[in-house]
Amino acid sequence: MKPFHASLADEDGQAITEVEGTIESPEEAAGACSGRFELQDTESFMQGVMDGKKFRLQVDGGDAFTIKVESVSVSSRSGFSEALFLTV
């Protein structure tokens, strides 16, 4: 897993927030990559997750991914959540 900092946007390109997390390197993953990130709780993100929408993850200095959030859980930091995702 390698760390990243990225901009998170909805599937229409509307910015949601900045996130930090980890993602499998291409050498680790055959096909879709999995990862996780922590973000400050936002209503638009949570609604998108509940609606099964895809998101765009634009990693600083490089890659852009379309992701599907698999699960969201409460983070150890107050007001933050941890999301687990797969690239699509």
C-alpha atoms as a PDB file:
ATOM      1  CA  MET A   1       0.000   0.000   0.000  1.00  0.00           C
ATOM      2  CA  LYS A   2       1.285   3.449  -0.800  1.00  0.00           C
ATOM      3  CA  PRO A   3       0.142   6.703   0.810  1.00  0.00           C
ATOM      4  CA  PHE A   4      -1.573   9.447  -1.192  1.00  0.00           C
ATOM      5  CA  HIS A   5      -3.139  12.890  -0.878  1.00  0.00           C
ATOM      6  CA  ALA A   6      -5.962  13.598  -3.326  1.00  0.00           C
ATOM      7  CA  SER A   7      -8.974  15.685  -4.247  1.00  0.00           C
ATOM      8  CA  LEU A   8     -12.281  13.821  -4.006  1.00  0.00           C
ATOM      9  CA  ALA A   9     -15.091  14.768  -6.385  1.00  0.00           C
ATOM     10  CA  ASP A  10     -18.501  13.360  -7.251  1.00  0.00           C
ATOM     11  CA  GLU A  11     -19.038  11.592 -10.575  1.00  0.00           C
ATOM     12  CA  ASP A  12     -19.950  14.930 -12.193  1.00  0.00           C
ATOM     13  CA  GLY A  13     -16.613  16.461 -11.168  1.00  0.00           C
ATOM     14  CA  GLN A  14     -18.004  18.609  -8.332  1.00  0.00           C
ATOM     15  CA  ALA A  15     -15.299  18.893  -5.645  1.00  0.00           C
ATOM     16  CA  ILE A  16     -16.186  17.412  -2.254  1.00  0.00           C
ATOM     17  CA  THR A  17     -13.032  17.558  -0.133  1.00  0.00           C
ATOM     18  CA  GLU A  18      -9.341  16.733   0.159  1.00  0.00           C
ATOM     19  CA  VAL A  19      -8.444  13.267   1.478  1.00  0.00           C
ATOM     20  CA  GLU A  20      -5.406  11.295   2.615  1.00  0.00           C
ATOM     21  CA  GLY A  21      -5.118   7.538   2.557  1.00  0.00           C
ATOM     22  CA  THR A  22      -3.434   4.510   1.060  1.00  0.00           C
ATOM     23  CA  ILE A  23      -3.917   2.575  -2.168  1.00  0.00           C
ATOM     24  CA  GLU A  24      -2.497  -0.656  -3.552  1.00  0.00           C
ATOM     25  CA  SER A  25       0.304  -0.126  -6.029  1.00  0.00           C
ATOM     26  CA  PRO A  26      -0.266  -1.610  -9.509  1.00  0.00           C
ATOM     27  CA  GLU A  27       2.242  -4.350  -8.654  1.00  0.00           C
ATOM     28  CA  GLU A  28       0.087  -5.413  -5.686  1.00  0.00           C
ATOM     29  CA  ALA A  29      -3.240  -5.462  -7.520  1.00  0.00           C
ATOM     30  CA  ALA A  30      -4.313  -7.505 -10.508  1.00  0.00           C
ATOM     31  CA  GLY A  31      -7.101  -5.419 -12.036  1.00  0.00           C
ATOM     32  CA  ALA A  32      -8.986  -3.177  -9.623  1.00  0.00           C
ATOM     33  CA  CYS A  33      -7.003  -1.574  -6.796  1.00  0.00           C
ATOM     34  CA  SER A  34      -8.325  -1.236  -3.283  1.00  0.00           C
ATOM     35  CA  GLY A  35      -7.586   1.484  -0.807  1.00  0.00           C
ATOM     36  CA  ARG A  36      -8.803   3.570   2.073  1.00  0.00           C
ATOM     37  CA  PHE A  37      -8.970   7.223   2.971  1.00  0.00           C
ATOM     38  CA  GLU A  38     -10.094   9.371   5.862  1.00  0.00           C
ATOM     39  CA  LEU A  39     -12.277  12.411   5.334  1.00  0.00           C
ATOM     40  CA  GLN A  40     -14.204  14.953   7.307  1.00  0.00           C
ATOM     41  CA  ASP A  41     -17.870  13.967   7.373  1.00  0.00           C
ATOM     42  CA  THR A  42     -19.835  15.659   4.571  1.00  0.00           C
ATOM     43  CA  GLU A  43     -23.481  15.215   3.717  1.00  0.00           C
ATOM     44  CA  SER A  44     -22.866  15.152  -0.051  1.00  0.00           C
ATOM     45  CA  PHE A  45     -20.334  12.305   0.266  1.00  0.00           C
ATOM     46  CA  MET A  46     -22.507  10.207   2.562  1.00  0.00           C
ATOM     47  CA  GLN A  47     -25.553  10.697   0.319  1.00  0.00           C
ATOM     48  CA  GLY A  48     -23.506   9.616  -2.707  1.00  0.00           C
ATOM     49  CA  VAL A  49     -22.338   6.481  -0.883  1.00  0.00           C
ATOM     50  CA  MET A  50     -25.912   5.598   0.105  1.00  0.00           C
ATOM     51  CA  ASP A  51     -27.038   6.136  -3.505  1.00  0.00           C
ATOM     52  CA  GLY A  52     -24.265   3.839  -4.797  1.00  0.00           C
ATOM     53  CA  LYS A  53     -22.610   6.589  -6.840  1.00  0.00           C
ATOM     54  CA  LYS A  54     -19.050   6.559  -8.104  1.00  0.00           C
ATOM     55  CA  PHE A  55     -16.496   9.195  -7.164  1.00  0.00           C
ATOM     56  CA  ARG A  56     -13.372  10.675  -8.761  1.00  0.00           C
ATOM     57  CA  LEU A  57     -10.088  10.593  -6.860  1.00  0.00           C
ATOM     58  CA  GLN A  58      -7.428  12.955  -8.308  1.00  0.00           C
ATOM     59  CA  VAL A  59      -4.144  12.074  -6.651  1.00  0.00           C
ATOM     60  CA  ASP A  60      -1.716  14.977  -6.184  1.00  0.00           C
ATOM     61  CA  GLY A  61       0.986  14.810  -8.822  1.00  0.00           C
ATOM     62  CA  GLY A  62      -0.550  12.166 -10.988  1.00  0.00           C
ATOM     63  CA  ASP A  63      -3.164   9.483 -11.227  1.00  0.00           C
ATOM     64  CA  ALA A  64      -6.909   9.950 -11.395  1.00  0.00           C
ATOM     65  CA  PHE A  65      -9.205   7.085 -10.437  1.00  0.00           C
ATOM     66  CA  THR A  66     -12.905   6.405 -10.611  1.00  0.00           C
ATOM     67  CA  ILE A  67     -13.793   4.669  -7.359  1.00  0.00           C
ATOM     68  CA  LYS A  68     -16.707   2.871  -5.772  1.00  0.00           C
ATOM     69  CA  VAL A  69     -16.888   3.178  -1.985  1.00  0.00           C
ATOM     70  CA  GLU A  70     -17.424  -0.263  -0.465  1.00  0.00           C
ATOM     71  CA  SER A  71     -17.907   0.793   3.158  1.00  0.00           C
ATOM     72  CA  VAL A  72     -17.664   3.761   5.506  1.00  0.00           C
ATOM     73  CA  SER A  73     -16.933   3.542   9.214  1.00  0.00           C
ATOM     74  CA  VAL A  74     -16.395   5.980  12.055  1.00  0.00           C
ATOM     75  CA  SER A  75     -12.796   7.114  12.383  1.00  0.00           C
ATOM     76  CA  SER A  76     -10.918   7.459  15.637  1.00  0.00           C
ATOM     77  CA  ARG A  77     -10.937  11.237  14.975  1.00  0.00           C
ATOM     78  CA  SER A  78     -14.150  13.035  15.927  1.00  0.00           C
ATOM     79  CA  GLY A  79     -16.125  14.242  12.900  1.00  0.00           C
ATOM     80  CA  PHE A  80     -14.200  12.027  10.469  1.00  0.00           C
ATOM     81  CA  SER A  81     -15.003   8.786   8.662  1.00  0.00           C
ATOM     82  CA  GLU A  82     -12.856   6.124   7.027  1.00  0.00           C
ATOM     83  CA  ALA A  83     -13.883   4.886   3.582  1.00  0.00           C
ATOM     84  CA  LEU A  84     -12.793   1.650   1.915  1.00  0.00           C
ATOM     85  CA  PHE A  85     -12.917   1.707  -1.894  1.00  0.00           C
ATOM     86  CA  LEU A  86     -12.210  -0.154  -5.114  1.00  0.00           C
ATOM     87  CA  THR A  87     -11.155   1.411  -8.397  1.00  0.00           C
ATOM     88  CA  VAL A  88     -13.517   0.790 -11.325  1.00  0.00           C
END
